[in-house]
Amino acid sequence: MRLIHEPIDVSPPNGIPQHLVWRHTSHHVIDVLDSWSSRRQWWTRDETRRYLLVRTNAAVMEIYSTDQRWMLSRIAD
């Protein structure tokens, strides 16, 4: 998997994503392959991330959400 770490738009923004937009391209989420949570210190605050490994119409992607946004963490080569 290749590290990306870029913001994405996800709909619906809460719950299980059905679509995501990365680099102006829309991807349909076909399946959630795995999910987990991670809590860590980020600068001076605790941050909890909710990770999902999803299969889209284009690739397998690892995405995560924080309280503020969704990010594309990694994408399968």
PDB file of N, CA and C in Angstrom:
ATOM      1  N   MET A   1       0.854  -1.180   0.000  1.00  0.00           N
ATOM      2  CA  MET A   1       0.000   0.000   0.000  1.00  0.00           C
ATOM      3  C   MET A   1       0.896   1.239   0.000  1.00  0.00           C
ATOM      4  N   ARG A   2       0.437   2.230  -0.688  1.00  0.00           N
ATOM      5  CA  ARG A   2       1.178   3.485  -0.817  1.00  0.00           C
ATOM      6  C   ARG A   2       0.582   4.531   0.126  1.00  0.00           C
ATOM      7  N   LEU A   3       1.427   5.236   0.864  1.00  0.00           N
ATOM      8  CA  LEU A   3       0.992   6.270   1.786  1.00  0.00           C
ATOM      9  C   LEU A   3       0.545   7.496   1.015  1.00  0.00           C
ATOM     10  N   ILE A   4      -0.652   8.004   1.344  1.00  0.00           N
ATOM     11  CA  ILE A   4      -1.197   9.179   0.664  1.00  0.00           C
ATOM     12  C   ILE A   4      -1.369  10.338   1.648  1.00  0.00           C
ATOM     13  N   HIS A   5      -2.165  10.139   2.678  1.00  0.00           N
ATOM     14  CA  HIS A   5      -2.477  11.123   3.715  1.00  0.00           C
ATOM     15  C   HIS A   5      -2.961  12.453   3.127  1.00  0.00           C
ATOM     16  N   GLU A   6      -4.128  12.391   2.452  1.00  0.00           N
ATOM     17  CA  GLU A   6      -4.748  13.574   1.868  1.00  0.00           C
ATOM     18  C   GLU A   6      -6.209  13.630   2.286  1.00  0.00           C
ATOM     19  N   PRO A   7      -6.757  14.840   2.420  1.00  0.00           N
ATOM     20  CA  PRO A   7      -8.174  14.967   2.780  1.00  0.00           C
ATOM     21  C   PRO A   7      -9.080  14.445   1.665  1.00  0.00           C
ATOM     22  N   ILE A   8     -10.210  13.882   2.062  1.00  0.00           N
ATOM     23  CA  ILE A   8     -11.223  13.407   1.118  1.00  0.00           C
ATOM     24  C   ILE A   8     -12.587  13.878   1.588  1.00  0.00           C
ATOM     25  N   ASP A   9     -13.533  13.918   0.672  1.00  0.00           N
ATOM     26  CA  ASP A   9     -14.936  14.178   0.995  1.00  0.00           C
ATOM     27  C   ASP A   9     -15.653  12.846   1.003  1.00  0.00           C
ATOM     28  N   VAL A  10     -16.450  12.619   2.021  1.00  0.00           N
ATOM     29  CA  VAL A  10     -17.142  11.354   2.192  1.00  0.00           C
ATOM     30  C   VAL A  10     -18.626  11.612   2.376  1.00  0.00           C
ATOM     31  N   SER A  11     -19.462  10.781   1.739  1.00  0.00           N
ATOM     32  CA  SER A  11     -20.901  10.868   1.995  1.00  0.00           C
ATOM     33  C   SER A  11     -21.433   9.478   2.287  1.00  0.00           C
ATOM     34  N   PRO A  12     -22.279   9.349   3.275  1.00  0.00           N
ATOM     35  CA  PRO A  12     -22.619  10.416   4.220  1.00  0.00           C
ATOM     36  C   PRO A  12     -21.424  10.722   5.124  1.00  0.00           C
ATOM     37  N   PRO A  13     -21.340  11.963   5.648  1.00  0.00           N
ATOM     38  CA  PRO A  13     -20.179  12.339   6.463  1.00  0.00           C
ATOM     39  C   PRO A  13     -20.093  11.588   7.794  1.00  0.00           C
ATOM     40  N   ASN A  14     -21.227  11.086   8.290  1.00  0.00           N
ATOM     41  CA  ASN A  14     -21.250  10.284   9.516  1.00  0.00           C
ATOM     42  C   ASN A  14     -21.761   8.891   9.162  1.00  0.00           C
ATOM     43  N   GLY A  15     -21.265   7.899   9.846  1.00  0.00           N
ATOM     44  CA  GLY A  15     -21.704   6.536   9.551  1.00  0.00           C
ATOM     45  C   GLY A  15     -20.785   5.854   8.565  1.00  0.00           C
ATOM     46  N   ILE A  16     -21.319   4.857   7.863  1.00  0.00           N
ATOM     47  CA  ILE A  16     -20.549   4.087   6.889  1.00  0.00           C
ATOM     48  C   ILE A  16     -20.537   4.824   5.549  1.00  0.00           C
ATOM     49  N   PRO A  17     -19.357   5.173   5.044  1.00  0.00           N
ATOM     50  CA  PRO A  17     -19.278   5.893   3.762  1.00  0.00           C
ATOM     51  C   PRO A  17     -19.832   5.067   2.605  1.00  0.00           C
ATOM     52  N   GLN A  18     -20.538   5.727   1.721  1.00  0.00           N
ATOM     53  CA  GLN A  18     -21.060   5.117   0.504  1.00  0.00           C
ATOM     54  C   GLN A  18     -20.277   5.599  -0.730  1.00  0.00           C
ATOM     55  N   HIS A  19     -19.825   6.843  -0.663  1.00  0.00           N
ATOM     56  CA  HIS A  19     -19.035   7.449  -1.740  1.00  0.00           C
ATOM     57  C   HIS A  19     -17.926   8.283  -1.113  1.00  0.00           C
ATOM     58  N   LEU A  20     -16.823   8.392  -1.843  1.00  0.00           N
ATOM     59  CA  LEU A  20     -15.785   9.323  -1.430  1.00  0.00           C
ATOM     60  C   LEU A  20     -15.225  10.010  -2.660  1.00  0.00           C
ATOM     61  N   VAL A  21     -14.734  11.222  -2.442  1.00  0.00           N
ATOM     62  CA  VAL A  21     -14.143  12.001  -3.530  1.00  0.00           C
ATOM     63  C   VAL A  21     -12.707  12.306  -3.154  1.00  0.00           C
ATOM     64  N   TRP A  22     -11.791  11.871  -4.019  1.00  0.00           N
ATOM     65  CA  TRP A  22     -10.363  12.117  -3.833  1.00  0.00           C
ATOM     66  C   TRP A  22      -9.797  12.669  -5.127  1.00  0.00           C
ATOM     67  N   ARG A  23      -9.128  13.804  -5.025  1.00  0.00           N
ATOM     68  CA  ARG A  23      -8.540  14.470  -6.194  1.00  0.00           C
ATOM     69  C   ARG A  23      -9.577  14.668  -7.305  1.00  0.00           C
ATOM     70  N   HIS A  24     -10.737  15.141  -6.917  1.00  0.00           N
ATOM     71  CA  HIS A  24     -11.844  15.466  -7.824  1.00  0.00           C
ATOM     72  C   HIS A  24     -12.429  14.255  -8.548  1.00  0.00           C
ATOM     73  N   THR A  25     -12.145  13.052  -8.051  1.00  0.00           N
ATOM     74  CA  THR A  25     -12.694  11.837  -8.643  1.00  0.00           C
ATOM     75  C   THR A  25     -13.571  11.135  -7.612  1.00  0.00           C
ATOM     76  N   SER A  26     -14.774  10.763  -8.029  1.00  0.00           N
ATOM     77  CA  SER A  26     -15.721  10.092  -7.146  1.00  0.00           C
ATOM     78  C   SER A  26     -15.490   8.586  -7.181  1.00  0.00           C
ATOM     79  N   HIS A  27     -15.520   7.976  -6.000  1.00  0.00           N
ATOM     80  CA  HIS A  27     -15.333   6.538  -5.869  1.00  0.00           C
ATOM     81  C   HIS A  27     -16.511   5.966  -5.084  1.00  0.00           C
ATOM     82  N   HIS A  28     -17.121   4.931  -5.608  1.00  0.00           N
ATOM     83  CA  HIS A  28     -18.224   4.244  -4.939  1.00  0.00           C
ATOM     84  C   HIS A  28     -17.649   3.180  -4.009  1.00  0.00           C
ATOM     85  N   VAL A  29     -18.050   3.216  -2.735  1.00  0.00           N
ATOM     86  CA  VAL A  29     -17.598   2.213  -1.772  1.00  0.00           C
ATOM     87  C   VAL A  29     -18.425   0.949  -1.966  1.00  0.00           C
ATOM     88  N   ILE A  30     -17.768  -0.132  -2.322  1.00  0.00           N
ATOM     89  CA  ILE A  30     -18.434  -1.408  -2.569  1.00  0.00           C
ATOM     90  C   ILE A  30     -18.545  -2.226  -1.294  1.00  0.00           C
ATOM     91  N   ASP A  31     -17.478  -2.192  -0.485  1.00  0.00           N
ATOM     92  CA  ASP A  31     -17.403  -3.060   0.685  1.00  0.00           C
ATOM     93  C   ASP A  31     -16.489  -2.459   1.746  1.00  0.00           C
ATOM     94  N   VAL A  32     -16.832  -2.662   3.006  1.00  0.00           N
ATOM     95  CA  VAL A  32     -15.931  -2.337   4.109  1.00  0.00           C
ATOM     96  C   VAL A  32     -15.256  -3.650   4.502  1.00  0.00           C
ATOM     97  N   LEU A  33     -13.950  -3.716   4.314  1.00  0.00           N
ATOM     98  CA  LEU A  33     -13.201  -4.941   4.554  1.00  0.00           C
ATOM     99  C   LEU A  33     -12.760  -5.095   6.004  1.00  0.00           C
ATOM    100  N   ASP A  34     -12.527  -3.960   6.681  1.00  0.00           N
ATOM    101  CA  ASP A  34     -12.079  -3.997   8.068  1.00  0.00           C
ATOM    102  C   ASP A  34     -12.310  -2.628   8.691  1.00  0.00           C
ATOM    103  N   SER A  35     -12.347  -2.583  10.021  1.00  0.00           N
ATOM    104  CA  SER A  35     -12.465  -1.317  10.739  1.00  0.00           C
ATOM    105  C   SER A  35     -11.773  -1.436  12.086  1.00  0.00           C
ATOM    106  N   TRP A  36     -11.216  -0.332  12.572  1.00  0.00           N
ATOM    107  CA  TRP A  36     -10.555  -0.291  13.873  1.00  0.00           C
ATOM    108  C   TRP A  36     -10.430   1.160  14.312  1.00  0.00           C
ATOM    109  N   SER A  37     -10.097   1.359  15.566  1.00  0.00           N
ATOM    110  CA  SER A  37      -9.905   2.693  16.127  1.00  0.00           C
ATOM    111  C   SER A  37      -8.502   2.814  16.693  1.00  0.00           C
ATOM    112  N   SER A  38      -8.012   4.028  16.700  1.00  0.00           N
ATOM    113  CA  SER A  38      -6.700   4.326  17.251  1.00  0.00           C
ATOM    114  C   SER A  38      -6.804   5.627  18.027  1.00  0.00           C
ATOM    115  N   ARG A  39      -6.255   5.625  19.218  1.00  0.00           N
ATOM    116  CA  ARG A  39      -6.237   6.841  20.023  1.00  0.00           C
ATOM    117  C   ARG A  39      -4.786   7.162  20.333  1.00  0.00           C
ATOM    118  N   ARG A  40      -4.410   8.437  20.112  1.00  0.00           N
ATOM    119  CA  ARG A  40      -3.029   8.820  20.371  1.00  0.00           C
ATOM    120  C   ARG A  40      -2.929  10.303  20.683  1.00  0.00           C
ATOM    121  N   GLN A  41      -1.794  10.666  21.203  1.00  0.00           N
ATOM    122  CA  GLN A  41      -1.504  12.067  21.486  1.00  0.00           C
ATOM    123  C   GLN A  41      -1.071  12.729  20.188  1.00  0.00           C
ATOM    124  N   TRP A  42      -1.719  13.808  19.822  1.00  0.00           N
ATOM    125  CA  TRP A  42      -1.344  14.555  18.634  1.00  0.00           C
ATOM    126  C   TRP A  42      -1.075  15.980  19.068  1.00  0.00           C
ATOM    127  N   TRP A  43       0.151  16.358  19.051  1.00  0.00           N
ATOM    128  CA  TRP A  43       0.635  17.621  19.606  1.00  0.00           C
ATOM    129  C   TRP A  43       0.227  17.706  21.070  1.00  0.00           C
ATOM    130  N   THR A  44      -0.712  18.556  21.405  1.00  0.00           N
ATOM    131  CA  THR A  44      -1.077  18.738  22.814  1.00  0.00           C
ATOM    132  C   THR A  44      -2.466  18.206  23.139  1.00  0.00           C
ATOM    133  N   ARG A  45      -3.045  17.431  22.249  1.00  0.00           N
ATOM    134  CA  ARG A  45      -4.389  16.909  22.504  1.00  0.00           C
ATOM    135  C   ARG A  45      -4.470  15.440  22.108  1.00  0.00           C
ATOM    136  N   ASP A  46      -5.418  14.767  22.724  1.00  0.00           N
ATOM    137  CA  ASP A  46      -5.686  13.385  22.333  1.00  0.00           C
ATOM    138  C   ASP A  46      -6.505  13.384  21.053  1.00  0.00           C
ATOM    139  N   GLU A  47      -6.195  12.463  20.157  1.00  0.00           N
ATOM    140  CA  GLU A  47      -6.951  12.333  18.912  1.00  0.00           C
ATOM    141  C   GLU A  47      -7.363  10.884  18.742  1.00  0.00           C
ATOM    142  N   THR A  48      -8.638  10.680  18.484  1.00  0.00           N
ATOM    143  CA  THR A  48      -9.138   9.348  18.182  1.00  0.00           C
ATOM    144  C   THR A  48      -9.434   9.281  16.691  1.00  0.00           C
ATOM    145  N   ARG A  49      -8.903   8.267  16.047  1.00  0.00           N
ATOM    146  CA  ARG A  49      -9.149   8.053  14.617  1.00  0.00           C
ATOM    147  C   ARG A  49      -9.944   6.772  14.442  1.00  0.00           C
ATOM    148  N   ARG A  50     -10.935   6.823  13.575  1.00  0.00           N
ATOM    149  CA  ARG A  50     -11.715   5.651  13.198  1.00  0.00           C
ATOM    150  C   ARG A  50     -11.296   5.259  11.788  1.00  0.00           C
ATOM    151  N   TYR A  51     -10.648   4.127  11.658  1.00  0.00           N
ATOM    152  CA  TYR A  51     -10.131   3.657  10.369  1.00  0.00           C
ATOM    153  C   TYR A  51     -11.106   2.686   9.713  1.00  0.00           C
ATOM    154  N   LEU A  52     -11.162   2.755   8.382  1.00  0.00           N
ATOM    155  CA  LEU A  52     -11.901   1.786   7.581  1.00  0.00           C
ATOM    156  C   LEU A  52     -11.029   1.375   6.410  1.00  0.00           C
ATOM    157  N   LEU A  53     -10.995   0.101   6.146  1.00  0.00           N
ATOM    158  CA  LEU A  53     -10.367  -0.414   4.938  1.00  0.00           C
ATOM    159  C   LEU A  53     -11.517  -0.715   3.989  1.00  0.00           C
ATOM    160  N   VAL A  54     -11.586   0.038   2.888  1.00  0.00           N
ATOM    161  CA  VAL A  54     -12.731  -0.079   1.983  1.00  0.00           C
ATOM    162  C   VAL A  54     -12.275  -0.500   0.593  1.00  0.00           C
ATOM    163  N   ARG A  55     -13.143  -1.237  -0.056  1.00  0.00           N
ATOM    164  CA  ARG A  55     -12.939  -1.582  -1.469  1.00  0.00           C
ATOM    165  C   ARG A  55     -13.855  -0.677  -2.261  1.00  0.00           C
ATOM    166  N   THR A  56     -13.290   0.093  -3.168  1.00  0.00           N
ATOM    167  CA  THR A  56     -14.080   0.972  -4.024  1.00  0.00           C
ATOM    168  C   THR A  56     -14.076   0.416  -5.438  1.00  0.00           C
ATOM    169  N   ASN A  57     -14.763   1.099  -6.324  1.00  0.00           N
ATOM    170  CA  ASN A  57     -14.778   0.695  -7.729  1.00  0.00           C
ATOM    171  C   ASN A  57     -13.404   0.847  -8.381  1.00  0.00           C
ATOM    172  N   ALA A  58     -12.466   1.559  -7.714  1.00  0.00           N
ATOM    173  CA  ALA A  58     -11.145   1.787  -8.306  1.00  0.00           C
ATOM    174  C   ALA A  58      -9.995   1.109  -7.576  1.00  0.00           C
ATOM    175  N   ALA A  59     -10.106   0.954  -6.249  1.00  0.00           N
ATOM    176  CA  ALA A  59      -8.968   0.437  -5.478  1.00  0.00           C
ATOM    177  C   ALA A  59      -9.398   0.087  -4.059  1.00  0.00           C
ATOM    178  N   VAL A  60      -8.484  -0.542  -3.335  1.00  0.00           N
ATOM    179  CA  VAL A  60      -8.666  -0.747  -1.903  1.00  0.00           C
ATOM    180  C   VAL A  60      -7.991   0.430  -1.214  1.00  0.00           C
ATOM    181  N   MET A  61      -8.734   1.089  -0.319  1.00  0.00           N
ATOM    182  CA  MET A  61      -8.249   2.298   0.330  1.00  0.00           C
ATOM    183  C   MET A  61      -8.414   2.208   1.839  1.00  0.00           C
ATOM    184  N   GLU A  62      -7.423   2.712   2.544  1.00  0.00           N
ATOM    185  CA  GLU A  62      -7.522   2.852   3.994  1.00  0.00           C
ATOM    186  C   GLU A  62      -7.859   4.317   4.270  1.00  0.00           C
ATOM    187  N   ILE A  63      -9.002   4.555   4.875  1.00  0.00           N
ATOM    188  CA  ILE A  63      -9.440   5.908   5.182  1.00  0.00           C
ATOM    189  C   ILE A  63      -9.653   6.020   6.689  1.00  0.00           C
ATOM    190  N   TYR A  64      -9.630   7.250   7.194  1.00  0.00           N
ATOM    191  CA  TYR A  64      -9.929   7.430   8.603  1.00  0.00           C
ATOM    192  C   TYR A  64     -10.630   8.765   8.830  1.00  0.00           C
ATOM    193  N   SER A  65     -11.356   8.815   9.930  1.00  0.00           N
ATOM    194  CA  SER A  65     -12.025  10.058  10.309  1.00  0.00           C
ATOM    195  C   SER A  65     -11.555  10.478  11.685  1.00  0.00           C
ATOM    196  N   THR A  66     -11.513  11.778  11.870  1.00  0.00           N
ATOM    197  CA  THR A  66     -11.279  12.388  13.168  1.00  0.00           C
ATOM    198  C   THR A  66     -12.522  13.215  13.470  1.00  0.00           C
ATOM    199  N   ASP A  67     -12.485  13.980  14.520  1.00  0.00           N
ATOM    200  CA  ASP A  67     -13.617  14.855  14.822  1.00  0.00           C
ATOM    201  C   ASP A  67     -13.802  15.930  13.755  1.00  0.00           C
ATOM    202  N   GLN A  68     -12.752  16.209  13.003  1.00  0.00           N
ATOM    203  CA  GLN A  68     -12.761  17.343  12.094  1.00  0.00           C
ATOM    204  C   GLN A  68     -12.917  16.984  10.623  1.00  0.00           C
ATOM    205  N   ARG A  69     -12.438  15.799  10.193  1.00  0.00           N
ATOM    206  CA  ARG A  69     -12.429  15.528   8.753  1.00  0.00           C
ATOM    207  C   ARG A  69     -12.158  14.052   8.460  1.00  0.00           C
ATOM    208  N   TRP A  70     -12.309  13.702   7.168  1.00  0.00           N
ATOM    209  CA  TRP A  70     -11.951  12.386   6.651  1.00  0.00           C
ATOM    210  C   TRP A  70     -10.652  12.524   5.872  1.00  0.00           C
ATOM    211  N   MET A  71      -9.822  11.479   5.977  1.00  0.00           N
ATOM    212  CA  MET A  71      -8.544  11.461   5.271  1.00  0.00           C
ATOM    213  C   MET A  71      -8.364  10.122   4.554  1.00  0.00           C
ATOM    214  N   LEU A  72      -7.703  10.158   3.403  1.00  0.00           N
ATOM    215  CA  LEU A  72      -7.239   8.949   2.726  1.00  0.00           C
ATOM    216  C   LEU A  72      -5.836   8.691   3.239  1.00  0.00           C
ATOM    217  N   SER A  73      -5.674   7.607   3.970  1.00  0.00           N
ATOM    218  CA  SER A  73      -4.385   7.293   4.572  1.00  0.00           C
ATOM    219  C   SER A  73      -3.473   6.561   3.578  1.00  0.00           C
ATOM    220  N   ARG A  74      -3.991   5.462   3.020  1.00  0.00           N
ATOM    221  CA  ARG A  74      -3.200   4.653   2.088  1.00  0.00           C
ATOM    222  C   ARG A  74      -4.095   4.088   0.998  1.00  0.00           C
ATOM    223  N   ILE A  75      -3.456   3.732  -0.110  1.00  0.00           N
ATOM    224  CA  ILE A  75      -4.174   3.118  -1.224  1.00  0.00           C
ATOM    225  C   ILE A  75      -3.339   1.939  -1.729  1.00  0.00           C
ATOM    226  N   ALA A  76      -4.008   0.862  -2.087  1.00  0.00           N
ATOM    227  CA  ALA A  76      -3.302  -0.324  -2.592  1.00  0.00           C
ATOM    228  C   ALA A  76      -2.732  -0.041  -3.966  1.00  0.00           C
ATOM    229  N   ASP A  77      -1.518  -0.499  -4.154  1.00  0.00           N
ATOM    230  CA  ASP A  77      -0.856  -0.337  -5.460  1.00  0.00           C
ATOM    231  C   ASP A  77      -1.393  -1.330  -6.468  1.00  0.00           C
TER     232      ASP A  77
END
